[in-house]
Amino acid sequence: MLVVVMLTLSGCGARPVTEDVGRESTYPEAGEVAANLEAAGFDVESLESFEELGLNVSRIKAVNGEDYLDICYDVSSAEDMGRIEEHYQQSYEKYNLMSDDEMICCYSSESVLESAGLQ
């Protein structure tokens, strides 16, 4: 019985082939988010950096009346993510935050996320 279990666990000597397919983002790219927001009537500004913090990130700021979205893509470290989060908390009176490994987003309401295609 022990031999059967060992052969099953070892795959009878066969080694599985693994393929590195890379990490697939769960969020739309910055250009798509900007286009979605423009189509929804937002004034959209696409930036190559977070100038206030001196960070090289892809940033989109969008406003439509009281609704807003401020999103940064390609954030390179947890430290930078923390600096951006702190900035958002100090800059926006009413805010919601969403983040992933390389993206952080500050927004006014769930409807803004829907307009952006992030939900």
PDB file of N, CA and C in Angstrom:
ATOM      1  N   MET A   1       0.825  -1.180   0.000  1.00  0.00           N
ATOM      2  CA  MET A   1       0.000   0.000   0.000  1.00  0.00           C
ATOM      3  C   MET A   1       0.881   1.260   0.000  1.00  0.00           C
ATOM      4  N   LEU A   2       1.922   1.233   0.786  1.00  0.00           N
ATOM      5  CA  LEU A   2       2.829   2.378   0.867  1.00  0.00           C
ATOM      6  C   LEU A   2       3.490   2.649  -0.477  1.00  0.00           C
ATOM      7  N   VAL A   3       3.835   1.614  -1.216  1.00  0.00           N
ATOM      8  CA  VAL A   3       4.465   1.758  -2.526  1.00  0.00           C
ATOM      9  C   VAL A   3       3.505   2.443  -3.495  1.00  0.00           C
ATOM     10  N   VAL A   4       2.227   2.091  -3.463  1.00  0.00           N
ATOM     11  CA  VAL A   4       1.230   2.702  -4.350  1.00  0.00           C
ATOM     12  C   VAL A   4       1.104   4.191  -4.054  1.00  0.00           C
ATOM     13  N   VAL A   5       1.063   4.548  -2.790  1.00  0.00           N
ATOM     14  CA  VAL A   5       0.960   5.959  -2.402  1.00  0.00           C
ATOM     15  C   VAL A   5       2.192   6.728  -2.863  1.00  0.00           C
ATOM     16  N   MET A   6       3.371   6.149  -2.674  1.00  0.00           N
ATOM     17  CA  MET A   6       4.607   6.829  -3.072  1.00  0.00           C
ATOM     18  C   MET A   6       4.676   7.016  -4.587  1.00  0.00           C
ATOM     19  N   LEU A   7       4.268   5.999  -5.353  1.00  0.00           N
ATOM     20  CA  LEU A   7       4.277   6.129  -6.806  1.00  0.00           C
ATOM     21  C   LEU A   7       3.266   7.160  -7.276  1.00  0.00           C
ATOM     22  N   THR A   8       2.123   7.218  -6.624  1.00  0.00           N
ATOM     23  CA  THR A   8       1.098   8.199  -6.977  1.00  0.00           C
ATOM     24  C   THR A   8       1.601   9.610  -6.715  1.00  0.00           C
ATOM     25  N   LEU A   9       2.204   9.803  -5.548  1.00  0.00           N
ATOM     26  CA  LEU A   9       2.710  11.136  -5.193  1.00  0.00           C
ATOM     27  C   LEU A   9       3.880  11.559  -6.074  1.00  0.00           C
ATOM     28  N   SER A  10       4.702  10.628  -6.471  1.00  0.00           N
ATOM     29  CA  SER A  10       5.866  10.980  -7.279  1.00  0.00           C
ATOM     30  C   SER A  10       5.532  11.078  -8.760  1.00  0.00           C
ATOM     31  N   GLY A  11       4.323  10.681  -9.138  1.00  0.00           N
ATOM     32  CA  GLY A  11       3.944  10.744 -10.551  1.00  0.00           C
ATOM     33  C   GLY A  11       4.659   9.706 -11.379  1.00  0.00           C
ATOM     34  N   CYS A  12       5.037   8.615 -10.752  1.00  0.00           N
ATOM     35  CA  CYS A  12       5.730   7.524 -11.434  1.00  0.00           C
ATOM     36  C   CYS A  12       6.995   8.007 -12.133  1.00  0.00           C
ATOM     37  N   GLY A  13       7.663   8.943 -11.562  1.00  0.00           N
ATOM     38  CA  GLY A  13       8.923   9.405 -12.115  1.00  0.00           C
ATOM     39  C   GLY A  13       8.790  10.519 -13.134  1.00  0.00           C
ATOM     40  N   ALA A  14       7.597  10.831 -13.588  1.00  0.00           N
ATOM     41  CA  ALA A  14       7.408  11.899 -14.577  1.00  0.00           C
ATOM     42  C   ALA A  14       7.450  13.253 -13.874  1.00  0.00           C
ATOM     43  N   ARG A  15       8.098  14.182 -14.485  1.00  0.00           N
ATOM     44  CA  ARG A  15       8.154  15.535 -13.932  1.00  0.00           C
ATOM     45  C   ARG A  15       7.205  16.432 -14.709  1.00  0.00           C
ATOM     46  N   PRO A  16       6.399  17.217 -13.994  1.00  0.00           N
ATOM     47  CA  PRO A  16       5.465  18.103 -14.692  1.00  0.00           C
ATOM     48  C   PRO A  16       6.220  19.225 -15.391  1.00  0.00           C
ATOM     49  N   VAL A  17       5.709  19.621 -16.512  1.00  0.00           N
ATOM     50  CA  VAL A  17       6.285  20.733 -17.262  1.00  0.00           C
ATOM     51  C   VAL A  17       5.550  21.996 -16.823  1.00  0.00           C
ATOM     52  N   THR A  18       6.305  22.992 -16.383  1.00  0.00           N
ATOM     53  CA  THR A  18       5.694  24.248 -15.975  1.00  0.00           C
ATOM     54  C   THR A  18       6.008  25.309 -17.001  1.00  0.00           C
ATOM     55  N   GLU A  19       5.071  26.211 -17.151  1.00  0.00           N
ATOM     56  CA  GLU A  19       5.241  27.291 -18.110  1.00  0.00           C
ATOM     57  C   GLU A  19       5.015  28.600 -17.382  1.00  0.00           C
ATOM     58  N   ASP A  20       5.932  29.524 -17.514  1.00  0.00           N
ATOM     59  CA  ASP A  20       5.782  30.833 -16.909  1.00  0.00           C
ATOM     60  C   ASP A  20       4.971  31.696 -17.859  1.00  0.00           C
ATOM     61  N   VAL A  21       3.714  31.915 -17.506  1.00  0.00           N
ATOM     62  CA  VAL A  21       2.853  32.703 -18.377  1.00  0.00           C
ATOM     63  C   VAL A  21       2.771  34.161 -17.927  1.00  0.00           C
ATOM     64  N   GLY A  22       3.450  34.495 -16.854  1.00  0.00           N
ATOM     65  CA  GLY A  22       3.430  35.870 -16.379  1.00  0.00           C
ATOM     66  C   GLY A  22       2.173  36.157 -15.574  1.00  0.00           C
ATOM     67  N   ARG A  23       2.169  37.281 -14.923  1.00  0.00           N
ATOM     68  CA  ARG A  23       1.041  37.681 -14.110  1.00  0.00           C
ATOM     69  C   ARG A  23       0.083  38.471 -14.968  1.00  0.00           C
ATOM     70  N   GLU A  24      -1.157  38.035 -14.996  1.00  0.00           N
ATOM     71  CA  GLU A  24      -2.168  38.745 -15.771  1.00  0.00           C
ATOM     72  C   GLU A  24      -2.900  39.715 -14.854  1.00  0.00           C
ATOM     73  N   SER A  25      -2.988  40.951 -15.250  1.00  0.00           N
ATOM     74  CA  SER A  25      -3.651  41.962 -14.442  1.00  0.00           C
ATOM     75  C   SER A  25      -5.146  41.702 -14.370  1.00  0.00           C
ATOM     76  N   THR A  26      -5.704  41.980 -13.216  1.00  0.00           N
ATOM     77  CA  THR A  26      -7.147  41.830 -13.036  1.00  0.00           C
ATOM     78  C   THR A  26      -7.879  43.130 -13.337  1.00  0.00           C
ATOM     79  N   TYR A  27      -7.137  44.162 -13.665  1.00  0.00           N
ATOM     80  CA  TYR A  27      -7.725  45.465 -13.947  1.00  0.00           C
ATOM     81  C   TYR A  27      -7.413  45.886 -15.377  1.00  0.00           C
ATOM     82  N   PRO A  28      -8.294  46.701 -15.973  1.00  0.00           N
ATOM     83  CA  PRO A  28      -7.998  47.201 -17.328  1.00  0.00           C
ATOM     84  C   PRO A  28      -6.782  48.120 -17.312  1.00  0.00           C
ATOM     85  N   GLU A  29      -6.136  48.214 -18.452  1.00  0.00           N
ATOM     86  CA  GLU A  29      -4.976  49.090 -18.603  1.00  0.00           C
ATOM     87  C   GLU A  29      -5.383  50.555 -18.449  1.00  0.00           C
ATOM     88  N   ALA A  30      -4.399  51.400 -18.206  1.00  0.00           N
ATOM     89  CA  ALA A  30      -4.640  52.823 -17.962  1.00  0.00           C
ATOM     90  C   ALA A  30      -5.383  53.490 -19.119  1.00  0.00           C
ATOM     91  N   GLY A  31      -4.983  53.201 -20.358  1.00  0.00           N
ATOM     92  CA  GLY A  31      -5.643  53.808 -21.517  1.00  0.00           C
ATOM     93  C   GLY A  31      -7.117  53.467 -21.603  1.00  0.00           C
ATOM     94  N   GLU A  32      -7.457  52.228 -21.276  1.00  0.00           N
ATOM     95  CA  GLU A  32      -8.860  51.803 -21.304  1.00  0.00           C
ATOM     96  C   GLU A  32      -9.661  52.501 -20.205  1.00  0.00           C
ATOM     97  N   VAL A  33      -9.077  52.625 -19.022  1.00  0.00           N
ATOM     98  CA  VAL A  33      -9.753  53.320 -17.920  1.00  0.00           C
ATOM     99  C   VAL A  33     -10.003  54.773 -18.295  1.00  0.00           C
ATOM    100  N   ALA A  34      -8.999  55.440 -18.868  1.00  0.00           N
ATOM    101  CA  ALA A  34      -9.144  56.838 -19.283  1.00  0.00           C
ATOM    102  C   ALA A  34     -10.240  56.982 -20.333  1.00  0.00           C
ATOM    103  N   ALA A  35     -10.254  56.100 -21.316  1.00  0.00           N
ATOM    104  CA  ALA A  35     -11.283  56.154 -22.365  1.00  0.00           C
ATOM    105  C   ALA A  35     -12.683  55.923 -21.791  1.00  0.00           C
ATOM    106  N   ASN A  36     -12.806  54.963 -20.872  1.00  0.00           N
ATOM    107  CA  ASN A  36     -14.102  54.701 -20.236  1.00  0.00           C
ATOM    108  C   ASN A  36     -14.603  55.917 -19.472  1.00  0.00           C
ATOM    109  N   LEU A  37     -13.707  56.562 -18.750  1.00  0.00           N
ATOM    110  CA  LEU A  37     -14.093  57.736 -17.962  1.00  0.00           C
ATOM    111  C   LEU A  37     -14.469  58.911 -18.859  1.00  0.00           C
ATOM    112  N   GLU A  38     -13.723  59.123 -19.928  1.00  0.00           N
ATOM    113  CA  GLU A  38     -14.062  60.186 -20.875  1.00  0.00           C
ATOM    114  C   GLU A  38     -15.435  59.940 -21.490  1.00  0.00           C
ATOM    115  N   ALA A  39     -15.716  58.689 -21.853  1.00  0.00           N
ATOM    116  CA  ALA A  39     -17.022  58.345 -22.419  1.00  0.00           C
ATOM    117  C   ALA A  39     -18.144  58.567 -21.418  1.00  0.00           C
ATOM    118  N   ALA A  40     -17.836  58.481 -20.128  1.00  0.00           N
ATOM    119  CA  ALA A  40     -18.835  58.680 -19.080  1.00  0.00           C
ATOM    120  C   ALA A  40     -18.968  60.152 -18.683  1.00  0.00           C
ATOM    121  N   GLY A  41     -18.231  61.045 -19.369  1.00  0.00           N
ATOM    122  CA  GLY A  41     -18.370  62.479 -19.111  1.00  0.00           C
ATOM    123  C   GLY A  41     -17.387  63.073 -18.129  1.00  0.00           C
ATOM    124  N   PHE A  42     -16.354  62.339 -17.755  1.00  0.00           N
ATOM    125  CA  PHE A  42     -15.345  62.844 -16.830  1.00  0.00           C
ATOM    126  C   PHE A  42     -14.310  63.672 -17.578  1.00  0.00           C
ATOM    127  N   ASP A  43     -13.756  64.666 -16.905  1.00  0.00           N
ATOM    128  CA  ASP A  43     -12.570  65.374 -17.388  1.00  0.00           C
ATOM    129  C   ASP A  43     -11.380  64.544 -16.939  1.00  0.00           C
ATOM    130  N   VAL A  44     -10.583  64.060 -17.890  1.00  0.00           N
ATOM    131  CA  VAL A  44      -9.529  63.102 -17.594  1.00  0.00           C
ATOM    132  C   VAL A  44      -8.164  63.702 -17.892  1.00  0.00           C
ATOM    133  N   GLU A  45      -7.239  63.466 -16.971  1.00  0.00           N
ATOM    134  CA  GLU A  45      -5.852  63.896 -17.138  1.00  0.00           C
ATOM    135  C   GLU A  45      -4.969  62.662 -16.958  1.00  0.00           C
ATOM    136  N   SER A  46      -4.182  62.326 -17.971  1.00  0.00           N
ATOM    137  CA  SER A  46      -3.242  61.201 -17.891  1.00  0.00           C
ATOM    138  C   SER A  46      -1.846  61.756 -17.670  1.00  0.00           C
ATOM    139  N   LEU A  47      -1.161  61.230 -16.668  1.00  0.00           N
ATOM    140  CA  LEU A  47       0.156  61.730 -16.283  1.00  0.00           C
ATOM    141  C   LEU A  47       1.176  60.601 -16.280  1.00  0.00           C
ATOM    142  N   GLU A  48       2.434  60.952 -16.485  1.00  0.00           N
ATOM    143  CA  GLU A  48       3.532  59.975 -16.498  1.00  0.00           C
ATOM    144  C   GLU A  48       4.222  59.861 -15.142  1.00  0.00           C
ATOM    145  N   SER A  49       3.767  60.653 -14.170  1.00  0.00           N
ATOM    146  CA  SER A  49       4.397  60.606 -12.850  1.00  0.00           C
ATOM    147  C   SER A  49       3.417  61.101 -11.787  1.00  0.00           C
ATOM    148  N   PHE A  50       3.784  60.881 -10.548  1.00  0.00           N
ATOM    149  CA  PHE A  50       3.063  61.444  -9.410  1.00  0.00           C
ATOM    150  C   PHE A  50       3.968  62.568  -8.921  1.00  0.00           C
ATOM    151  N   GLU A  51       3.820  63.706  -9.552  1.00  0.00           N
ATOM    152  CA  GLU A  51       4.756  64.810  -9.376  1.00  0.00           C
ATOM    153  C   GLU A  51       4.913  65.229  -7.918  1.00  0.00           C
ATOM    154  N   GLU A  52       3.813  65.286  -7.171  1.00  0.00           N
ATOM    155  CA  GLU A  52       3.868  65.726  -5.779  1.00  0.00           C
ATOM    156  C   GLU A  52       4.791  64.849  -4.931  1.00  0.00           C
ATOM    157  N   LEU A  53       4.912  63.573  -5.291  1.00  0.00           N
ATOM    158  CA  LEU A  53       5.726  62.633  -4.522  1.00  0.00           C
ATOM    159  C   LEU A  53       7.026  62.253  -5.222  1.00  0.00           C
ATOM    160  N   GLY A  54       7.233  62.746  -6.443  1.00  0.00           N
ATOM    161  CA  GLY A  54       8.445  62.430  -7.191  1.00  0.00           C
ATOM    162  C   GLY A  54       8.533  60.965  -7.620  1.00  0.00           C
ATOM    163  N   LEU A  55       7.372  60.349  -7.928  1.00  0.00           N
ATOM    164  CA  LEU A  55       7.347  58.943  -8.312  1.00  0.00           C
ATOM    165  C   LEU A  55       7.066  58.781  -9.799  1.00  0.00           C
ATOM    166  N   ASN A  56       7.737  57.824 -10.425  1.00  0.00           N
ATOM    167  CA  ASN A  56       7.486  57.495 -11.827  1.00  0.00           C
ATOM    168  C   ASN A  56       6.424  56.400 -11.883  1.00  0.00           C
ATOM    169  N   VAL A  57       5.184  56.811 -12.060  1.00  0.00           N
ATOM    170  CA  VAL A  57       4.050  55.899 -12.178  1.00  0.00           C
ATOM    171  C   VAL A  57       3.152  56.412 -13.294  1.00  0.00           C
ATOM    172  N   SER A  58       2.292  55.560 -13.773  1.00  0.00           N
ATOM    173  CA  SER A  58       1.280  55.980 -14.739  1.00  0.00           C
ATOM    174  C   SER A  58       0.048  56.370 -13.932  1.00  0.00           C
ATOM    175  N   ARG A  59      -0.367  57.625 -14.025  1.00  0.00           N
ATOM    176  CA  ARG A  59      -1.436  58.146 -13.168  1.00  0.00           C
ATOM    177  C   ARG A  59      -2.563  58.724 -14.007  1.00  0.00           C
ATOM    178  N   ILE A  60      -3.783  58.466 -13.585  1.00  0.00           N
ATOM    179  CA  ILE A  60      -4.968  59.046 -14.215  1.00  0.00           C
ATOM    180  C   ILE A  60      -5.773  59.751 -13.138  1.00  0.00           C
ATOM    181  N   LYS A  61      -6.092  61.010 -13.406  1.00  0.00           N
ATOM    182  CA  LYS A  61      -6.967  61.781 -12.522  1.00  0.00           C
ATOM    183  C   LYS A  61      -8.201  62.152 -13.341  1.00  0.00           C
ATOM    184  N   ALA A  62      -9.372  61.874 -12.779  1.00  0.00           N
ATOM    185  CA  ALA A  62     -10.616  62.143 -13.498  1.00  0.00           C
ATOM    186  C   ALA A  62     -11.631  62.756 -12.544  1.00  0.00           C
ATOM    187  N   VAL A  63     -12.362  63.775 -13.044  1.00  0.00           N
ATOM    188  CA  VAL A  63     -13.349  64.477 -12.227  1.00  0.00           C
ATOM    189  C   VAL A  63     -14.601  64.715 -13.049  1.00  0.00           C
ATOM    190  N   ASN A  64     -15.751  64.538 -12.391  1.00  0.00           N
ATOM    191  CA  ASN A  64     -17.040  64.857 -12.991  1.00  0.00           C
ATOM    192  C   ASN A  64     -17.936  65.340 -11.853  1.00  0.00           C
ATOM    193  N   GLY A  65     -17.971  66.653 -11.643  1.00  0.00           N
ATOM    194  CA  GLY A  65     -18.724  67.216 -10.519  1.00  0.00           C
ATOM    195  C   GLY A  65     -18.105  66.777  -9.206  1.00  0.00           C
ATOM    196  N   GLU A  66     -18.904  66.122  -8.355  1.00  0.00           N
ATOM    197  CA  GLU A  66     -18.428  65.622  -7.061  1.00  0.00           C
ATOM    198  C   GLU A  66     -17.716  64.272  -7.185  1.00  0.00           C
ATOM    199  N   ASP A  67     -17.870  63.617  -8.315  1.00  0.00           N
ATOM    200  CA  ASP A  67     -17.255  62.298  -8.514  1.00  0.00           C
ATOM    201  C   ASP A  67     -15.823  62.442  -9.004  1.00  0.00           C
ATOM    202  N   TYR A  68     -14.962  61.573  -8.510  1.00  0.00           N
ATOM    203  CA  TYR A  68     -13.567  61.605  -8.951  1.00  0.00           C
ATOM    204  C   TYR A  68     -12.951  60.216  -8.861  1.00  0.00           C
ATOM    205  N   LEU A  69     -11.840  60.051  -9.564  1.00  0.00           N
ATOM    206  CA  LEU A  69     -11.006  58.862  -9.488  1.00  0.00           C
ATOM    207  C   LEU A  69      -9.565  59.307  -9.683  1.00  0.00           C
ATOM    208  N   ASP A  70      -8.678  58.818  -8.853  1.00  0.00           N
ATOM    209  CA  ASP A  70      -7.245  59.096  -8.946  1.00  0.00           C
ATOM    210  C   ASP A  70      -6.558  57.739  -8.835  1.00  0.00           C
ATOM    211  N   ILE A  71      -5.972  57.263  -9.928  1.00  0.00           N
ATOM    212  CA  ILE A  71      -5.407  55.910  -9.958  1.00  0.00           C
ATOM    213  C   ILE A  71      -3.963  55.943 -10.435  1.00  0.00           C
ATOM    214  N   CYS A  72      -3.131  55.132  -9.800  1.00  0.00           N
ATOM    215  CA  CYS A  72      -1.734  55.001 -10.195  1.00  0.00           C
ATOM    216  C   CYS A  72      -1.441  53.555 -10.544  1.00  0.00           C
ATOM    217  N   TYR A  73      -0.856  53.346 -11.716  1.00  0.00           N
ATOM    218  CA  TYR A  73      -0.403  52.031 -12.172  1.00  0.00           C
ATOM    219  C   TYR A  73       1.116  51.971 -12.077  1.00  0.00           C
ATOM    220  N   ASP A  74       1.654  50.786 -12.092  1.00  0.00           N
ATOM    221  CA  ASP A  74       3.104  50.550 -12.123  1.00  0.00           C
ATOM    222  C   ASP A  74       3.816  51.118 -10.897  1.00  0.00           C
ATOM    223  N   VAL A  75       3.204  50.966  -9.730  1.00  0.00           N
ATOM    224  CA  VAL A  75       3.839  51.388  -8.481  1.00  0.00           C
ATOM    225  C   VAL A  75       4.872  50.324  -8.128  1.00  0.00           C
ATOM    226  N   SER A  76       6.128  50.740  -7.967  1.00  0.00           N
ATOM    227  CA  SER A  76       7.222  49.770  -7.914  1.00  0.00           C
ATOM    228  C   SER A  76       7.501  49.151  -6.551  1.00  0.00           C
ATOM    229  N   SER A  77       7.006  49.739  -5.462  1.00  0.00           N
ATOM    230  CA  SER A  77       7.333  49.169  -4.157  1.00  0.00           C
ATOM    231  C   SER A  77       6.204  49.408  -3.152  1.00  0.00           C
ATOM    232  N   ALA A  78       6.243  48.625  -2.082  1.00  0.00           N
ATOM    233  CA  ALA A  78       5.266  48.784  -1.003  1.00  0.00           C
ATOM    234  C   ALA A  78       5.439  50.154  -0.332  1.00  0.00           C
ATOM    235  N   GLU A  79       6.671  50.616  -0.271  1.00  0.00           N
ATOM    236  CA  GLU A  79       6.947  51.933   0.313  1.00  0.00           C
ATOM    237  C   GLU A  79       6.274  53.035  -0.509  1.00  0.00           C
ATOM    238  N   ASP A  80       6.412  52.965  -1.836  1.00  0.00           N
ATOM    239  CA  ASP A  80       5.762  53.947  -2.715  1.00  0.00           C
ATOM    240  C   ASP A  80       4.248  53.847  -2.603  1.00  0.00           C
ATOM    241  N   MET A  81       3.729  52.633  -2.504  1.00  0.00           N
ATOM    242  CA  MET A  81       2.293  52.418  -2.345  1.00  0.00           C
ATOM    243  C   MET A  81       1.809  53.126  -1.072  1.00  0.00           C
ATOM    244  N   GLY A  82       2.568  52.990   0.007  1.00  0.00           N
ATOM    245  CA  GLY A  82       2.222  53.643   1.275  1.00  0.00           C
ATOM    246  C   GLY A  82       2.259  55.156   1.170  1.00  0.00           C
ATOM    247  N   ARG A  83       3.237  55.678   0.464  1.00  0.00           N
ATOM    248  CA  ARG A  83       3.336  57.138   0.284  1.00  0.00           C
ATOM    249  C   ARG A  83       2.143  57.672  -0.507  1.00  0.00           C
ATOM    250  N   ILE A  84       1.733  56.938  -1.544  1.00  0.00           N
ATOM    251  CA  ILE A  84       0.577  57.353  -2.343  1.00  0.00           C
ATOM    252  C   ILE A  84      -0.687  57.288  -1.506  1.00  0.00           C
ATOM    253  N   GLU A  85      -0.858  56.202  -0.751  1.00  0.00           N
ATOM    254  CA  GLU A  85      -2.039  56.062   0.109  1.00  0.00           C
ATOM    255  C   GLU A  85      -2.124  57.210   1.118  1.00  0.00           C
ATOM    256  N   GLU A  86      -1.011  57.539   1.729  1.00  0.00           N
ATOM    257  CA  GLU A  86      -0.974  58.647   2.690  1.00  0.00           C
ATOM    258  C   GLU A  86      -1.353  59.965   2.018  1.00  0.00           C
ATOM    259  N   HIS A  87      -0.845  60.180   0.816  1.00  0.00           N
ATOM    260  CA  HIS A  87      -1.174  61.395   0.067  1.00  0.00           C
ATOM    261  C   HIS A  87      -2.672  61.461  -0.221  1.00  0.00           C
ATOM    262  N   TYR A  88      -3.247  60.344  -0.658  1.00  0.00           N
ATOM    263  CA  TYR A  88      -4.686  60.293  -0.924  1.00  0.00           C
ATOM    264  C   TYR A  88      -5.481  60.640   0.336  1.00  0.00           C
ATOM    265  N   GLN A  89      -5.103  60.062   1.458  1.00  0.00           N
ATOM    266  CA  GLN A  89      -5.832  60.295   2.704  1.00  0.00           C
ATOM    267  C   GLN A  89      -5.773  61.758   3.140  1.00  0.00           C
ATOM    268  N   GLN A  90      -4.676  62.417   2.847  1.00  0.00           N
ATOM    269  CA  GLN A  90      -4.525  63.828   3.211  1.00  0.00           C
ATOM    270  C   GLN A  90      -5.178  64.756   2.188  1.00  0.00           C
ATOM    271  N   SER A  91      -5.323  64.309   0.941  1.00  0.00           N
ATOM    272  CA  SER A  91      -5.791  65.175  -0.136  1.00  0.00           C
ATOM    273  C   SER A  91      -7.297  65.144  -0.359  1.00  0.00           C
ATOM    274  N   TYR A  92      -7.937  64.025  -0.033  1.00  0.00           N
ATOM    275  CA  TYR A  92      -9.361  63.873  -0.312  1.00  0.00           C
ATOM    276  C   TYR A  92     -10.133  63.742   0.997  1.00  0.00           C
ATOM    277  N   GLU A  93     -11.149  64.586   1.154  1.00  0.00           N
ATOM    278  CA  GLU A  93     -11.952  64.557   2.374  1.00  0.00           C
ATOM    279  C   GLU A  93     -12.764  63.264   2.464  1.00  0.00           C
ATOM    280  N   LYS A  94     -13.427  62.921   1.378  1.00  0.00           N
ATOM    281  CA  LYS A  94     -14.219  61.695   1.301  1.00  0.00           C
ATOM    282  C   LYS A  94     -13.543  60.794   0.275  1.00  0.00           C
ATOM    283  N   TYR A  95     -13.148  59.588   0.685  1.00  0.00           N
ATOM    284  CA  TYR A  95     -12.438  58.729  -0.247  1.00  0.00           C
ATOM    285  C   TYR A  95     -12.652  57.258   0.068  1.00  0.00           C
ATOM    286  N   ASN A  96     -12.441  56.444  -0.943  1.00  0.00           N
ATOM    287  CA  ASN A  96     -12.377  54.987  -0.843  1.00  0.00           C
ATOM    288  C   ASN A  96     -11.067  54.587  -1.502  1.00  0.00           C
ATOM    289  N   LEU A  97     -10.433  53.565  -0.977  1.00  0.00           N
ATOM    290  CA  LEU A  97      -9.163  53.102  -1.536  1.00  0.00           C
ATOM    291  C   LEU A  97      -9.277  51.655  -2.005  1.00  0.00           C
ATOM    292  N   MET A  98      -8.587  51.361  -3.105  1.00  0.00           N
ATOM    293  CA  MET A  98      -8.485  50.009  -3.628  1.00  0.00           C
ATOM    294  C   MET A  98      -7.050  49.853  -4.114  1.00  0.00           C
ATOM    295  N   SER A  99      -6.427  48.710  -3.827  1.00  0.00           N
ATOM    296  CA  SER A  99      -5.058  48.518  -4.290  1.00  0.00           C
ATOM    297  C   SER A  99      -4.798  47.052  -4.634  1.00  0.00           C
ATOM    298  N   ASP A 100      -3.733  46.875  -5.397  1.00  0.00           N
ATOM    299  CA  ASP A 100      -3.256  45.571  -5.822  1.00  0.00           C
ATOM    300  C   ASP A 100      -1.734  45.650  -5.733  1.00  0.00           C
ATOM    301  N   ASP A 101      -1.033  44.674  -6.263  1.00  0.00           N
ATOM    302  CA  ASP A 101       0.424  44.664  -6.177  1.00  0.00           C
ATOM    303  C   ASP A 101       1.076  45.899  -6.779  1.00  0.00           C
ATOM    304  N   GLU A 102       0.597  46.375  -7.929  1.00  0.00           N
ATOM    305  CA  GLU A 102       1.241  47.489  -8.622  1.00  0.00           C
ATOM    306  C   GLU A 102       0.276  48.621  -8.954  1.00  0.00           C
ATOM    307  N   MET A 103      -0.901  48.629  -8.316  1.00  0.00           N
ATOM    308  CA  MET A 103      -1.918  49.637  -8.620  1.00  0.00           C
ATOM    309  C   MET A 103      -2.576  50.091  -7.325  1.00  0.00           C
ATOM    310  N   ILE A 104      -2.848  51.394  -7.238  1.00  0.00           N
ATOM    311  CA  ILE A 104      -3.625  51.932  -6.122  1.00  0.00           C
ATOM    312  C   ILE A 104      -4.584  52.972  -6.681  1.00  0.00           C
ATOM    313  N   CYS A 105      -5.792  52.977  -6.133  1.00  0.00           N
ATOM    314  CA  CYS A 105      -6.856  53.819  -6.666  1.00  0.00           C
ATOM    315  C   CYS A 105      -7.607  54.481  -5.516  1.00  0.00           C
ATOM    316  N   CYS A 106      -7.876  55.757  -5.658  1.00  0.00           N
ATOM    317  CA  CYS A 106      -8.693  56.512  -4.722  1.00  0.00           C
ATOM    318  C   CYS A 106      -9.894  57.018  -5.506  1.00  0.00           C
ATOM    319  N   TYR A 107     -11.108  56.796  -4.982  1.00  0.00           N
ATOM    320  CA  TYR A 107     -12.306  57.142  -5.738  1.00  0.00           C
ATOM    321  C   TYR A 107     -13.420  57.590  -4.805  1.00  0.00           C
ATOM    322  N   SER A 108     -14.390  58.300  -5.369  1.00  0.00           N
ATOM    323  CA  SER A 108     -15.458  58.871  -4.562  1.00  0.00           C
ATOM    324  C   SER A 108     -16.614  57.915  -4.304  1.00  0.00           C
ATOM    325  N   SER A 109     -16.932  57.040  -5.274  1.00  0.00           N
ATOM    326  CA  SER A 109     -18.081  56.151  -5.092  1.00  0.00           C
ATOM    327  C   SER A 109     -17.953  54.924  -5.994  1.00  0.00           C
ATOM    328  N   GLU A 110     -18.757  53.910  -5.700  1.00  0.00           N
ATOM    329  CA  GLU A 110     -18.759  52.681  -6.497  1.00  0.00           C
ATOM    330  C   GLU A 110     -19.155  52.957  -7.951  1.00  0.00           C
ATOM    331  N   SER A 111     -20.017  53.940  -8.160  1.00  0.00           N
ATOM    332  CA  SER A 111     -20.456  54.254  -9.537  1.00  0.00           C
ATOM    333  C   SER A 111     -19.289  54.738 -10.390  1.00  0.00           C
ATOM    334  N   VAL A 112     -18.307  55.382  -9.774  1.00  0.00           N
ATOM    335  CA  VAL A 112     -17.122  55.827 -10.520  1.00  0.00           C
ATOM    336  C   VAL A 112     -16.312  54.612 -10.975  1.00  0.00           C
ATOM    337  N   LEU A 113     -16.181  53.608 -10.107  1.00  0.00           N
ATOM    338  CA  LEU A 113     -15.468  52.382 -10.488  1.00  0.00           C
ATOM    339  C   LEU A 113     -16.170  51.706 -11.663  1.00  0.00           C
ATOM    340  N   GLU A 114     -17.479  51.683 -11.637  1.00  0.00           N
ATOM    341  CA  GLU A 114     -18.238  51.095 -12.739  1.00  0.00           C
ATOM    342  C   GLU A 114     -18.010  51.862 -14.030  1.00  0.00           C
ATOM    343  N   SER A 115     -18.054  53.194 -13.967  1.00  0.00           N
ATOM    344  CA  SER A 115     -17.813  54.013 -15.149  1.00  0.00           C
ATOM    345  C   SER A 115     -16.416  53.783 -15.719  1.00  0.00           C
ATOM    346  N   ALA A 116     -15.443  53.560 -14.831  1.00  0.00           N
ATOM    347  CA  ALA A 116     -14.059  53.342 -15.249  1.00  0.00           C
ATOM    348  C   ALA A 116     -13.827  51.935 -15.797  1.00  0.00           C
ATOM    349  N   GLY A 117     -14.752  51.018 -15.540  1.00  0.00           N
ATOM    350  CA  GLY A 117     -14.567  49.637 -15.954  1.00  0.00           C
ATOM    351  C   GLY A 117     -13.742  48.838 -14.961  1.00  0.00           C
ATOM    352  N   LEU A 118     -13.642  49.319 -13.744  1.00  0.00           N
ATOM    353  CA  LEU A 118     -12.858  48.651 -12.712  1.00  0.00           C
ATOM    354  C   LEU A 118     -13.687  47.706 -11.865  1.00  0.00           C
ATOM    355  N   GLN A 119     -14.974  47.636 -12.136  1.00  0.00           N
ATOM    356  CA  GLN A 119     -15.849  46.724 -11.392  1.00  0.00           C
ATOM    357  C   GLN A 119     -16.702  45.927 -12.314  1.00  0.00           C
TER     358      GLN A 119
END
